[in-house]
Amino acid sequence: MAFRSGKLAGYLVSSCPMFKLPVVAFILMAVTFAADLPTKKYLNLAAIKTMVAGAEGEAKKRNVDVTICIVDESGNLLFLQRGDGVSANTVDFAREKARHSALYGSPSREAAESMKNGSASALAFPGFFPAQGGLPIKVDGQTIGGIAASGAKSEIDEAIAQAGIDALFKK
């Protein structure tokens, strides 16, 4: 017998009183479990386009060409754009800066600072990349991705990435 429109539940409940309590309890448990599912924030295409436009605007304002990269919270590539005349190695640099920021939830600048302070053992950490220019993208304290720029001076790369984040959150 198919379970359509509650017909089976109605049949069981009305035909046998001993099924009333278990059926009602089961339905309440199912509703409770469904309500406990978390809501996950993620970077959709509109958010990515907004961040890219902000980063591009900052790069243009500073008169530099850079590679821009955006990754999800696991470091998977969502967007990559190499600026005109920018060195090919900036593709890997931007991707690794963004990946580091997403995986560790901190600016890639902090990795560079830890290396300067003599913490070479950190190089053994997966996805660790000690170069300034990558920033985590956070919503409600949770890292949902990373953005980075590469091709200009490190502090300019980071400012370009920050402009992308600021565009997303309208700062």
Protein backbone atom coordinates (compact mmCIF):
# COMPACT_ATOMS: atom_id res chain seq x y z
CA MET A 1 0.00 0.00 0.00
CA ALA A 2 1.48 3.35 -1.00
CA PHE A 3 2.00 6.15 1.51
CA ARG A 4 0.09 8.92 -0.23
CA SER A 5 -1.34 12.02 1.36
CA GLY A 6 -1.25 10.39 4.75
CA LYS A 7 -3.77 7.68 3.71
CA LEU A 8 -1.70 4.84 5.17
CA ALA A 9 -1.07 6.71 8.39
CA GLY A 10 -4.75 7.55 8.62
CA TYR A 11 -5.69 3.93 7.96
CA LEU A 12 -3.29 2.63 10.64
CA VAL A 13 -4.32 5.21 13.21
CA SER A 14 -8.05 4.80 12.66
CA SER A 15 -8.08 1.01 12.34
CA CYS A 16 -5.88 0.13 15.28
CA PRO A 17 -5.60 2.28 18.43
CA MET A 18 -2.24 0.74 19.37
CA PHE A 19 -0.66 2.41 16.31
CA LYS A 20 -1.78 5.92 17.26
CA LEU A 21 1.06 6.76 19.61
CA PRO A 22 3.94 5.26 17.53
CA VAL A 23 2.73 6.88 14.30
CA VAL A 24 2.33 10.29 15.91
CA ALA A 25 5.74 9.96 17.63
CA PHE A 26 7.37 8.97 14.33
CA ILE A 27 5.88 11.95 12.50
CA LEU A 28 7.01 14.34 15.24
CA MET A 29 10.53 12.88 15.20
CA ALA A 30 10.75 13.25 11.41
CA VAL A 31 9.71 16.90 11.61
CA THR A 32 12.19 17.53 14.44
CA PHE A 33 15.11 15.98 12.55
CA ALA A 34 14.30 17.93 9.40
CA ALA A 35 14.31 21.18 11.37
CA ASP A 36 17.79 20.44 12.76
CA LEU A 37 19.52 20.62 9.37
CA PRO A 38 22.02 23.48 9.28
CA THR A 39 21.94 26.27 6.77
CA LYS A 40 25.27 26.61 4.99
CA LYS A 41 26.52 29.85 3.45
CA TYR A 42 28.49 29.48 0.23
CA LEU A 43 29.91 31.57 -2.58
CA ASN A 44 27.47 31.70 -5.48
CA LEU A 45 28.15 33.18 -8.91
CA ALA A 46 26.68 36.58 -8.02
CA ALA A 47 28.95 36.84 -4.95
CA ILE A 48 31.99 35.84 -7.01
CA LYS A 49 31.21 38.42 -9.71
CA THR A 50 30.78 41.12 -7.06
CA MET A 51 34.15 40.32 -5.47
CA VAL A 52 35.92 40.19 -8.83
CA ALA A 53 34.48 43.57 -9.81
CA GLY A 54 35.68 45.08 -6.50
CA ALA A 55 39.15 43.56 -6.87
CA GLU A 56 39.43 44.65 -10.50
CA GLY A 57 38.39 48.17 -9.55
CA GLU A 58 41.09 48.37 -6.88
CA ALA A 59 43.72 47.02 -9.29
CA LYS A 60 42.71 49.58 -11.90
CA LYS A 61 42.78 52.37 -9.29
CA ARG A 62 46.32 51.34 -8.35
CA ASN A 63 47.27 50.96 -12.02
CA VAL A 64 48.45 47.34 -11.69
CA ASP A 65 47.61 44.13 -13.51
CA VAL A 66 47.21 41.04 -11.34
CA THR A 67 45.88 37.53 -11.28
CA ILE A 68 42.75 37.18 -9.14
CA CYS A 69 41.70 33.87 -7.61
CA ILE A 70 38.70 32.81 -5.51
CA VAL A 71 38.33 29.38 -3.88
CA ASP A 72 35.67 27.73 -1.72
CA GLU A 73 36.14 26.75 1.95
CA SER A 74 37.98 23.57 0.93
CA GLY A 75 40.38 25.41 -1.37
CA ASN A 76 38.66 24.30 -4.58
CA LEU A 77 38.97 26.74 -7.45
CA LEU A 78 35.86 28.83 -8.17
CA PHE A 79 37.39 31.69 -10.20
CA LEU A 80 40.76 32.50 -11.75
CA GLN A 81 41.64 35.42 -14.00
CA ARG A 82 45.11 36.37 -15.15
CA GLY A 83 45.49 40.03 -16.04
CA ASP A 84 46.97 41.19 -19.32
CA GLY A 85 50.76 40.94 -19.34
CA VAL A 86 50.92 39.32 -15.91
CA SER A 87 53.54 36.61 -15.44
CA ALA A 88 52.29 33.03 -15.68
CA ASN A 89 53.67 32.14 -12.25
CA THR A 90 51.11 34.46 -10.64
CA VAL A 91 48.41 31.89 -11.44
CA ASP A 92 49.93 29.40 -9.00
CA PHE A 93 50.77 32.10 -6.47
CA ALA A 94 47.24 33.51 -6.42
CA ARG A 95 45.66 30.06 -6.20
CA GLU A 96 47.93 29.00 -3.32
CA LYS A 97 47.44 32.27 -1.41
CA ALA A 98 43.65 31.94 -1.70
CA ARG A 99 43.78 28.24 -0.80
CA HIS A 100 45.90 28.90 2.29
CA SER A 101 43.48 31.59 3.47
CA ALA A 102 40.47 29.33 3.00
CA LEU A 103 42.00 26.27 4.65
CA TYR A 104 43.49 28.09 7.63
CA GLY A 105 40.90 30.87 7.93
CA SER A 106 43.63 33.49 8.15
CA PRO A 107 45.46 35.87 5.79
CA SER A 108 48.37 34.29 3.94
CA ARG A 109 50.39 37.22 5.32
CA GLU A 110 50.34 35.49 8.72
CA ALA A 111 52.04 32.45 7.15
CA ALA A 112 54.75 34.71 5.74
CA GLU A 113 55.20 36.33 9.15
CA SER A 114 55.55 32.95 10.87
CA MET A 115 58.28 32.01 8.40
CA LYS A 116 60.10 35.28 9.10
CA ASN A 117 59.91 34.43 12.80
CA GLY A 118 61.71 31.13 12.18
CA SER A 119 58.80 28.67 12.05
CA ALA A 120 60.02 26.66 9.06
CA SER A 121 58.28 23.53 10.35
CA ALA A 122 54.99 25.11 9.27
CA LEU A 123 55.99 24.36 5.66
CA ALA A 124 55.01 20.75 6.38
CA PHE A 125 51.37 21.80 6.90
CA PRO A 126 49.11 20.93 3.93
CA GLY A 127 48.23 23.98 1.88
CA PHE A 128 50.56 26.25 3.85
CA PHE A 129 51.72 29.12 1.62
CA PRO A 130 53.82 31.92 3.14
CA ALA A 131 53.17 34.86 0.83
CA GLN A 132 51.04 37.95 1.45
CA GLY A 133 48.03 38.59 -0.79
CA GLY A 134 45.39 36.05 0.24
CA LEU A 135 42.47 36.64 2.60
CA PRO A 136 39.75 34.39 4.01
CA ILE A 137 36.15 35.16 3.14
CA LYS A 138 34.13 34.90 6.36
CA VAL A 139 30.43 35.11 7.11
CA ASP A 140 29.21 35.02 10.70
CA GLY A 141 32.68 33.94 11.81
CA GLN A 142 32.73 30.97 9.44
CA THR A 143 35.21 30.75 6.57
CA ILE A 144 33.36 30.16 3.29
CA GLY A 145 36.31 30.69 0.93
CA GLY A 146 39.42 32.62 0.12
CA ILE A 147 40.40 35.37 -2.32
CA ALA A 148 43.85 36.40 -3.47
CA ALA A 149 45.68 38.55 -5.93
CA SER A 150 49.18 38.14 -7.28
CA GLY A 151 51.35 40.19 -9.59
CA ALA A 152 51.95 43.43 -7.70
CA LYS A 153 53.77 44.11 -4.44
CA SER A 154 52.49 41.88 -1.67
CA GLU A 155 50.73 44.63 0.27
CA ILE A 156 49.00 45.79 -2.92
CA ASP A 157 47.94 42.21 -3.69
CA GLU A 158 46.33 42.03 -0.25
CA ALA A 159 44.63 45.42 -0.68
CA ILE A 160 43.14 44.20 -3.97
CA ALA A 161 41.84 41.04 -2.29
CA GLN A 162 40.42 43.17 0.55
CA ALA A 163 38.61 45.37 -1.98
CA GLY A 164 36.94 42.24 -3.34
CA ILE A 165 35.73 41.26 0.12
CA ASP A 166 34.64 44.83 0.86
CA ALA A 167 32.58 44.88 -2.34
CA LEU A 168 30.80 41.70 -1.24
CA PHE A 169 29.91 43.13 2.14
CA LYS A 170 29.46 46.72 0.87
CA LYS A 171 32.03 48.31 3.16
